[in-house]
Amino acid sequence: MQLTDISVRDKALMYLLHICIACLFTAGLNIVHAKYVLHIPLTPPAFIAPLIAGVLFGYLLARIMLLHEEMRRIAHIDSLTNIYNRLHFQQFLDAEIDRVKRYGCTFSLIFFDLDHFKDINDEHGHMVGDEVLVEMARVVQKANRSADIFARYGGEEFIILAPATDIRGAGLHAERLLRDINTHEFGTVGRVTCSFGIAEFKPETDDVTSLLLRADTALYQAKRNGRNNVVKGLA
């Protein structure tokens, strides 16, 4: 589940739609004003100014709406990887915790980061490191379910909220991601690996802090185990 860029085609259609609506609106006002208020005959030249005004008004209205959508994207999306940012992910997490506590069921977090990412930046440069992060996001998005909430948590760290998924299901998903990443070629860097920590939400004892802590602790245990593996957080 991710926000997507508005295509050039969609932008053009939005401009055209708003211009057409604005032109019809201004032309209609002109007819009403001329016929019923001023009681003057309508002539073709009398529509030129309203149509010009309609074009300008429609363009400005569409522009405002597109800028609003872009601002919404900036607030929600990580500018590099084009997935959710940490702040917006937190909103999803808060909402999911509230939902589970009210209605039952469960969910899990999958917390992971790239192994030896500093070495990639030092050896290949930060631009190549950024390309690896972007490609990593694509690989993971391809494997995620449509309901999964995927975000860049910071630097080379990523996190997935998996609704209606217990620790076993989250483990299977993390193992699949590990395999997909291991077999993917990341341009000039070649193969890279990731370490994974997973935790299932426990409504009776967990809150946001304790859940994230368990997932984070599991991730660092995966690092201590030699990296490129999945560790399940303790309940």
C-alpha atoms as a PDB file:
ATOM      1  CA  MET A   1       0.000   0.000   0.000  1.00  0.00           C
ATOM      2  CA  GLN A   2       1.795   3.101  -1.230  1.00  0.00           C
ATOM      3  CA  LEU A   3       1.113   6.545  -2.619  1.00  0.00           C
ATOM      4  CA  THR A   4       2.034   6.889  -6.285  1.00  0.00           C
ATOM      5  CA  ASP A   5       3.084   9.817  -8.413  1.00  0.00           C
ATOM      6  CA  ILE A   6       0.432  11.518 -10.511  1.00  0.00           C
ATOM      7  CA  SER A   7       1.238  10.732 -14.133  1.00  0.00           C
ATOM      8  CA  VAL A   8       1.626  13.399 -16.808  1.00  0.00           C
ATOM      9  CA  ARG A   9      -1.543  12.071 -18.443  1.00  0.00           C
ATOM     10  CA  ASP A  10      -3.526  12.398 -15.200  1.00  0.00           C
ATOM     11  CA  LYS A  11      -2.205  15.928 -14.670  1.00  0.00           C
ATOM     12  CA  ALA A  12      -3.228  16.935 -18.189  1.00  0.00           C
ATOM     13  CA  LEU A  13      -6.694  15.445 -17.693  1.00  0.00           C
ATOM     14  CA  MET A  14      -7.071  17.300 -14.396  1.00  0.00           C
ATOM     15  CA  TYR A  15      -6.152  20.617 -16.028  1.00  0.00           C
ATOM     16  CA  LEU A  16      -8.541  19.948 -18.937  1.00  0.00           C
ATOM     17  CA  LEU A  17     -11.410  18.910 -16.658  1.00  0.00           C
ATOM     18  CA  HIS A  18     -11.122  21.948 -14.399  1.00  0.00           C
ATOM     19  CA  ILE A  19     -10.759  24.332 -17.336  1.00  0.00           C
ATOM     20  CA  CYS A  20     -13.873  22.882 -18.996  1.00  0.00           C
ATOM     21  CA  ILE A  21     -15.895  23.121 -15.781  1.00  0.00           C
ATOM     22  CA  ALA A  22     -14.709  26.676 -15.128  1.00  0.00           C
ATOM     23  CA  CYS A  23     -15.509  27.748 -18.698  1.00  0.00           C
ATOM     24  CA  LEU A  24     -19.024  26.300 -18.474  1.00  0.00           C
ATOM     25  CA  PHE A  25     -19.520  27.992 -15.111  1.00  0.00           C
ATOM     26  CA  THR A  26     -18.369  31.443 -16.264  1.00  0.00           C
ATOM     27  CA  ALA A  27     -20.320  31.149 -19.526  1.00  0.00           C
ATOM     28  CA  GLY A  28     -23.446  30.192 -17.584  1.00  0.00           C
ATOM     29  CA  LEU A  29     -23.002  33.140 -15.247  1.00  0.00           C
ATOM     30  CA  ASN A  30     -22.579  35.421 -18.247  1.00  0.00           C
ATOM     31  CA  ILE A  31     -25.823  34.194 -19.800  1.00  0.00           C
ATOM     32  CA  VAL A  32     -27.783  34.632 -16.570  1.00  0.00           C
ATOM     33  CA  HIS A  33     -26.272  38.044 -15.899  1.00  0.00           C
ATOM     34  CA  ALA A  34     -26.808  39.364 -19.436  1.00  0.00           C
ATOM     35  CA  LYS A  35     -30.293  37.950 -20.004  1.00  0.00           C
ATOM     36  CA  TYR A  36     -31.924  38.248 -16.599  1.00  0.00           C
ATOM     37  CA  VAL A  37     -30.066  41.077 -14.871  1.00  0.00           C
ATOM     38  CA  LEU A  38     -28.906  43.472 -17.584  1.00  0.00           C
ATOM     39  CA  HIS A  39     -31.581  42.433 -20.125  1.00  0.00           C
ATOM     40  CA  ILE A  40     -29.200  42.790 -23.060  1.00  0.00           C
ATOM     41  CA  PRO A  41     -28.891  40.542 -26.102  1.00  0.00           C
ATOM     42  CA  LEU A  42     -26.180  37.921 -26.129  1.00  0.00           C
ATOM     43  CA  THR A  43     -23.532  38.132 -28.855  1.00  0.00           C
ATOM     44  CA  PRO A  44     -20.546  35.858 -29.597  1.00  0.00           C
ATOM     45  CA  PRO A  45     -17.973  38.519 -28.535  1.00  0.00           C
ATOM     46  CA  ALA A  46     -19.688  38.728 -25.147  1.00  0.00           C
ATOM     47  CA  PHE A  47     -18.460  35.200 -24.376  1.00  0.00           C
ATOM     48  CA  ILE A  48     -14.764  35.873 -25.044  1.00  0.00           C
ATOM     49  CA  ALA A  49     -13.983  37.466 -21.670  1.00  0.00           C
ATOM     50  CA  PRO A  50     -15.909  34.832 -19.612  1.00  0.00           C
ATOM     51  CA  LEU A  51     -14.185  31.998 -21.495  1.00  0.00           C
ATOM     52  CA  ILE A  52     -10.744  33.541 -20.934  1.00  0.00           C
ATOM     53  CA  ALA A  53     -11.610  33.942 -17.258  1.00  0.00           C
ATOM     54  CA  GLY A  54     -12.789  30.325 -17.173  1.00  0.00           C
ATOM     55  CA  VAL A  55      -9.529  29.084 -18.684  1.00  0.00           C
ATOM     56  CA  LEU A  56      -7.467  31.016 -16.136  1.00  0.00           C
ATOM     57  CA  PHE A  57      -9.689  30.051 -13.216  1.00  0.00           C
ATOM     58  CA  GLY A  58      -9.718  26.375 -14.216  1.00  0.00           C
ATOM     59  CA  TYR A  59      -5.942  26.328 -14.644  1.00  0.00           C
ATOM     60  CA  LEU A  60      -5.352  27.937 -11.251  1.00  0.00           C
ATOM     61  CA  LEU A  61      -7.812  25.599  -9.529  1.00  0.00           C
ATOM     62  CA  ALA A  62      -6.163  22.510 -11.026  1.00  0.00           C
ATOM     63  CA  ARG A  63      -2.741  23.894 -10.101  1.00  0.00           C
ATOM     64  CA  ILE A  64      -3.792  24.386  -6.482  1.00  0.00           C
ATOM     65  CA  MET A  65      -5.139  20.839  -6.272  1.00  0.00           C
ATOM     66  CA  LEU A  66      -1.942  19.367  -7.746  1.00  0.00           C
ATOM     67  CA  LEU A  67       0.203  21.383  -5.349  1.00  0.00           C
ATOM     68  CA  HIS A  68      -1.942  20.151  -2.471  1.00  0.00           C
ATOM     69  CA  GLU A  69      -1.416  16.560  -3.607  1.00  0.00           C
ATOM     70  CA  GLU A  70       2.333  17.140  -3.897  1.00  0.00           C
ATOM     71  CA  MET A  71       2.482  18.584  -0.381  1.00  0.00           C
ATOM     72  CA  ARG A  72       0.590  15.533   0.868  1.00  0.00           C
ATOM     73  CA  ARG A  73       3.146  13.299  -0.811  1.00  0.00           C
ATOM     74  CA  ILE A  74       6.042  15.209   0.736  1.00  0.00           C
ATOM     75  CA  ALA A  75       4.499  14.775   4.181  1.00  0.00           C
ATOM     76  CA  HIS A  76       3.962  11.025   3.725  1.00  0.00           C
ATOM     77  CA  ILE A  77       6.682   9.752   1.392  1.00  0.00           C
ATOM     78  CA  ASP A  78      10.420   9.232   1.666  1.00  0.00           C
ATOM     79  CA  SER A  79      11.868  11.324  -1.150  1.00  0.00           C
ATOM     80  CA  LEU A  80      14.594   8.815  -2.068  1.00  0.00           C
ATOM     81  CA  THR A  81      12.858   5.440  -2.079  1.00  0.00           C
ATOM     82  CA  ASN A  82       9.284   6.644  -2.764  1.00  0.00           C
ATOM     83  CA  ILE A  83       7.875   4.528   0.066  1.00  0.00           C
ATOM     84  CA  TYR A  84       6.300   5.761   3.309  1.00  0.00           C
ATOM     85  CA  ASN A  85       8.491   7.752   5.676  1.00  0.00           C
ATOM     86  CA  ARG A  86       8.935   7.051   9.377  1.00  0.00           C
ATOM     87  CA  LEU A  87       6.478   9.721  10.525  1.00  0.00           C
ATOM     88  CA  HIS A  88       3.614   8.435   8.399  1.00  0.00           C
ATOM     89  CA  PHE A  89       4.422   4.835   9.279  1.00  0.00           C
ATOM     90  CA  GLN A  90       3.996   5.764  12.935  1.00  0.00           C
ATOM     91  CA  GLN A  91       0.451   6.892  12.182  1.00  0.00           C
ATOM     92  CA  PHE A  92      -0.346   3.543  10.560  1.00  0.00           C
ATOM     93  CA  LEU A  93       1.186   1.717  13.528  1.00  0.00           C
ATOM     94  CA  ASP A  94      -0.837   3.703  16.079  1.00  0.00           C
ATOM     95  CA  ALA A  95      -4.034   3.030  14.121  1.00  0.00           C
ATOM     96  CA  GLU A  96      -3.297  -0.693  13.817  1.00  0.00           C
ATOM     97  CA  ILE A  97      -2.616  -1.021  17.547  1.00  0.00           C
ATOM     98  CA  ASP A  98      -5.908   0.708  18.314  1.00  0.00           C
ATOM     99  CA  ARG A  99      -7.761  -1.544  15.854  1.00  0.00           C
ATOM    100  CA  VAL A 100      -6.310  -4.754  17.274  1.00  0.00           C
ATOM    101  CA  LYS A 101      -6.999  -3.738  20.867  1.00  0.00           C
ATOM    102  CA  ARG A 102     -10.616  -2.935  19.964  1.00  0.00           C
ATOM    103  CA  TYR A 103     -11.480  -5.812  17.654  1.00  0.00           C
ATOM    104  CA  GLY A 104      -8.898  -8.508  18.249  1.00  0.00           C
ATOM    105  CA  CYS A 105      -6.665 -10.367  15.781  1.00  0.00           C
ATOM    106  CA  THR A 106      -2.948  -9.480  15.644  1.00  0.00           C
ATOM    107  CA  PHE A 107      -0.186  -8.065  13.451  1.00  0.00           C
ATOM    108  CA  SER A 108       3.580  -8.223  13.238  1.00  0.00           C
ATOM    109  CA  LEU A 109       6.510  -5.942  12.487  1.00  0.00           C
ATOM    110  CA  ILE A 110       9.416  -6.865  10.239  1.00  0.00           C
ATOM    111  CA  PHE A 111      12.418  -4.649  10.941  1.00  0.00           C
ATOM    112  CA  PHE A 112      15.494  -4.964   8.727  1.00  0.00           C
ATOM    113  CA  ASP A 113      18.522  -3.144   7.428  1.00  0.00           C
ATOM    114  CA  LEU A 114      21.328  -3.625   4.928  1.00  0.00           C
ATOM    115  CA  ASP A 115      24.454  -5.362   6.175  1.00  0.00           C
ATOM    116  CA  HIS A 116      27.735  -3.437   5.863  1.00  0.00           C
ATOM    117  CA  PHE A 117      26.023  -0.471   4.208  1.00  0.00           C
ATOM    118  CA  LYS A 118      28.785   1.884   5.351  1.00  0.00           C
ATOM    119  CA  ASP A 119      31.260  -0.219   3.381  1.00  0.00           C
ATOM    120  CA  ILE A 120      29.125   0.222   0.256  1.00  0.00           C
ATOM    121  CA  ASN A 121      29.152   4.003   0.684  1.00  0.00           C
ATOM    122  CA  ASP A 122      32.893   4.058   1.397  1.00  0.00           C
ATOM    123  CA  GLU A 123      33.806   1.841  -1.552  1.00  0.00           C
ATOM    124  CA  HIS A 124      31.330   2.970  -4.205  1.00  0.00           C
ATOM    125  CA  GLY A 125      30.181   6.412  -3.033  1.00  0.00           C
ATOM    126  CA  HIS A 126      26.958   7.737  -1.569  1.00  0.00           C
ATOM    127  CA  MET A 127      25.195   8.001  -4.940  1.00  0.00           C
ATOM    128  CA  VAL A 128      25.637   4.280  -5.511  1.00  0.00           C
ATOM    129  CA  GLY A 129      24.537   3.684  -1.908  1.00  0.00           C
ATOM    130  CA  ASP A 130      21.350   5.636  -2.618  1.00  0.00           C
ATOM    131  CA  GLU A 131      20.756   3.528  -5.743  1.00  0.00           C
ATOM    132  CA  VAL A 132      21.052   0.378  -3.649  1.00  0.00           C
ATOM    133  CA  LEU A 133      18.443   1.708  -1.194  1.00  0.00           C
ATOM    134  CA  VAL A 134      16.069   2.533  -4.050  1.00  0.00           C
ATOM    135  CA  GLU A 135      16.525  -0.899  -5.611  1.00  0.00           C
ATOM    136  CA  MET A 136      16.110  -2.541  -2.217  1.00  0.00           C
ATOM    137  CA  ALA A 137      12.744  -0.817  -1.798  1.00  0.00           C
ATOM    138  CA  ARG A 138      11.651  -2.103  -5.230  1.00  0.00           C
ATOM    139  CA  VAL A 139      12.620  -5.682  -4.418  1.00  0.00           C
ATOM    140  CA  VAL A 140      10.737  -5.636  -1.120  1.00  0.00           C
ATOM    141  CA  GLN A 141       7.669  -3.887  -2.538  1.00  0.00           C
ATOM    142  CA  LYS A 142       7.410  -6.561  -5.219  1.00  0.00           C
ATOM    143  CA  ALA A 143       7.274  -9.285  -2.559  1.00  0.00           C
ATOM    144  CA  ASN A 144       4.957  -7.494  -0.119  1.00  0.00           C
ATOM    145  CA  ARG A 145       1.210  -8.024   0.021  1.00  0.00           C
ATOM    146  CA  SER A 146      -1.008  -5.106  -0.930  1.00  0.00           C
ATOM    147  CA  ALA A 147      -2.075  -4.733   2.720  1.00  0.00           C
ATOM    148  CA  ASP A 148       1.491  -4.500   4.057  1.00  0.00           C
ATOM    149  CA  ILE A 149       2.702  -1.047   5.142  1.00  0.00           C
ATOM    150  CA  PHE A 150       6.314  -0.551   4.056  1.00  0.00           C
ATOM    151  CA  ALA A 151       8.459   2.387   5.148  1.00  0.00           C
ATOM    152  CA  ARG A 152      12.011   3.635   5.321  1.00  0.00           C
ATOM    153  CA  TYR A 153      12.690   3.951   9.027  1.00  0.00           C
ATOM    154  CA  GLY A 154      15.945   5.834   8.721  1.00  0.00           C
ATOM    155  CA  GLY A 155      19.247   5.540   6.834  1.00  0.00           C
ATOM    156  CA  GLU A 156      19.480   1.937   5.639  1.00  0.00           C
ATOM    157  CA  GLU A 157      16.748   0.714   7.998  1.00  0.00           C
ATOM    158  CA  PHE A 158      13.331  -0.398   6.738  1.00  0.00           C
ATOM    159  CA  ILE A 159      10.187  -1.606   8.467  1.00  0.00           C
ATOM    160  CA  ILE A 160       7.050  -3.489   7.418  1.00  0.00           C
ATOM    161  CA  LEU A 161       3.732  -3.594   9.246  1.00  0.00           C
ATOM    162  CA  ALA A 162       2.056  -6.884   8.343  1.00  0.00           C
ATOM    163  CA  PRO A 163      -1.661  -6.803   9.304  1.00  0.00           C
ATOM    164  CA  ALA A 164      -3.407 -10.017  10.417  1.00  0.00           C
ATOM    165  CA  THR A 165      -0.052 -11.800  10.527  1.00  0.00           C
ATOM    166  CA  ASP A 166       1.330 -13.766  13.469  1.00  0.00           C
ATOM    167  CA  ILE A 167       5.003 -14.358  14.239  1.00  0.00           C
ATOM    168  CA  ARG A 168       5.090 -17.496  12.090  1.00  0.00           C
ATOM    169  CA  GLY A 169       3.653 -15.714   9.053  1.00  0.00           C
ATOM    170  CA  ALA A 170       5.993 -12.766   9.559  1.00  0.00           C
ATOM    171  CA  GLY A 171       8.922 -15.174   9.769  1.00  0.00           C
ATOM    172  CA  LEU A 172       7.968 -16.822   6.486  1.00  0.00           C
ATOM    173  CA  HIS A 173       7.646 -13.426   4.814  1.00  0.00           C
ATOM    174  CA  ALA A 174      11.000 -12.264   6.186  1.00  0.00           C
ATOM    175  CA  GLU A 175      12.691 -15.455   4.968  1.00  0.00           C
ATOM    176  CA  ARG A 176      11.253 -14.877   1.503  1.00  0.00           C
ATOM    177  CA  LEU A 177      12.530 -11.301   1.495  1.00  0.00           C
ATOM    178  CA  LEU A 178      15.955 -12.503   2.616  1.00  0.00           C
ATOM    179  CA  ARG A 179      16.079 -14.949  -0.311  1.00  0.00           C
ATOM    180  CA  ASP A 180      14.844 -12.361  -2.813  1.00  0.00           C
ATOM    181  CA  ILE A 181      17.491  -9.885  -1.678  1.00  0.00           C
ATOM    182  CA  ASN A 182      20.263 -12.501  -1.653  1.00  0.00           C
ATOM    183  CA  THR A 183      19.582 -13.478  -5.263  1.00  0.00           C
ATOM    184  CA  HIS A 184      19.174  -9.947  -6.631  1.00  0.00           C
ATOM    185  CA  GLU A 185      21.966  -8.125  -8.450  1.00  0.00           C
ATOM    186  CA  PHE A 186      22.354  -4.566  -7.205  1.00  0.00           C
ATOM    187  CA  GLY A 187      24.157  -3.005 -10.156  1.00  0.00           C
ATOM    188  CA  THR A 188      27.882  -2.404  -9.657  1.00  0.00           C
ATOM    189  CA  VAL A 189      27.616  -3.460  -6.011  1.00  0.00           C
ATOM    190  CA  GLY A 190      26.500  -6.980  -6.924  1.00  0.00           C
ATOM    191  CA  ARG A 191      24.944  -9.025  -4.129  1.00  0.00           C
ATOM    192  CA  VAL A 192      23.974  -7.547  -0.753  1.00  0.00           C
ATOM    193  CA  THR A 193      22.441  -9.037   2.370  1.00  0.00           C
ATOM    194  CA  CYS A 194      20.056  -7.890   5.092  1.00  0.00           C
ATOM    195  CA  SER A 195      19.410  -8.790   8.705  1.00  0.00           C
ATOM    196  CA  PHE A 196      15.839  -9.140   9.960  1.00  0.00           C
ATOM    197  CA  GLY A 197      14.145  -8.813  13.342  1.00  0.00           C
ATOM    198  CA  ILE A 198      10.439  -9.596  13.708  1.00  0.00           C
ATOM    199  CA  ALA A 199       7.952  -9.203  16.545  1.00  0.00           C
ATOM    200  CA  GLU A 200       4.249  -9.971  16.953  1.00  0.00           C
ATOM    201  CA  PHE A 201       2.023  -7.495  18.765  1.00  0.00           C
ATOM    202  CA  LYS A 202       0.658  -8.707  22.109  1.00  0.00           C
ATOM    203  CA  PRO A 203      -2.426  -6.623  23.058  1.00  0.00           C
ATOM    204  CA  GLU A 204      -2.221  -7.561  26.729  1.00  0.00           C
ATOM    205  CA  THR A 205       1.335  -6.320  27.280  1.00  0.00           C
ATOM    206  CA  ASP A 206       2.526  -4.308  24.280  1.00  0.00           C
ATOM    207  CA  ASP A 207       2.481  -0.668  23.358  1.00  0.00           C
ATOM    208  CA  VAL A 208       4.299   1.116  20.522  1.00  0.00           C
ATOM    209  CA  THR A 209       7.562   1.411  22.459  1.00  0.00           C
ATOM    210  CA  SER A 210       7.745  -2.186  23.670  1.00  0.00           C
ATOM    211  CA  LEU A 211       6.819  -3.617  20.263  1.00  0.00           C
ATOM    212  CA  LEU A 212       9.445  -1.567  18.415  1.00  0.00           C
ATOM    213  CA  LEU A 213      12.003  -2.421  21.077  1.00  0.00           C
ATOM    214  CA  ARG A 214      11.423  -6.157  20.661  1.00  0.00           C
ATOM    215  CA  ALA A 215      11.706  -5.915  16.871  1.00  0.00           C
ATOM    216  CA  ASP A 216      14.829  -3.772  17.161  1.00  0.00           C
ATOM    217  CA  THR A 217      16.411  -6.132  19.698  1.00  0.00           C
ATOM    218  CA  ALA A 218      15.713  -9.078  17.390  1.00  0.00           C
ATOM    219  CA  LEU A 219      17.339  -7.200  14.501  1.00  0.00           C
ATOM    220  CA  TYR A 220      20.515  -6.593  16.474  1.00  0.00           C
ATOM    221  CA  GLN A 221      20.542 -10.218  17.566  1.00  0.00           C
ATOM    222  CA  ALA A 222      20.483 -11.134  13.864  1.00  0.00           C
ATOM    223  CA  LYS A 223      23.533  -8.880  13.431  1.00  0.00           C
ATOM    224  CA  ARG A 224      25.324 -10.607  16.308  1.00  0.00           C
ATOM    225  CA  ASN A 225      24.440 -13.994  14.796  1.00  0.00           C
ATOM    226  CA  GLY A 226      26.539 -13.123  11.753  1.00  0.00           C
ATOM    227  CA  ARG A 227      24.048 -11.097   9.693  1.00  0.00           C
ATOM    228  CA  ASN A 228      21.921 -12.250   6.735  1.00  0.00           C
ATOM    229  CA  ASN A 229      19.417 -14.086   8.933  1.00  0.00           C
ATOM    230  CA  VAL A 230      16.002 -13.692  10.594  1.00  0.00           C
ATOM    231  CA  VAL A 231      15.488 -13.537  14.358  1.00  0.00           C
ATOM    232  CA  LYS A 232      12.099 -13.615  16.092  1.00  0.00           C
ATOM    233  CA  GLY A 233      11.613 -11.198  18.980  1.00  0.00           C
ATOM    234  CA  LEU A 234      10.736 -12.653  22.363  1.00  0.00           C
ATOM    235  CA  ALA A 235       7.133 -12.226  23.546  1.00  0.00           C
END
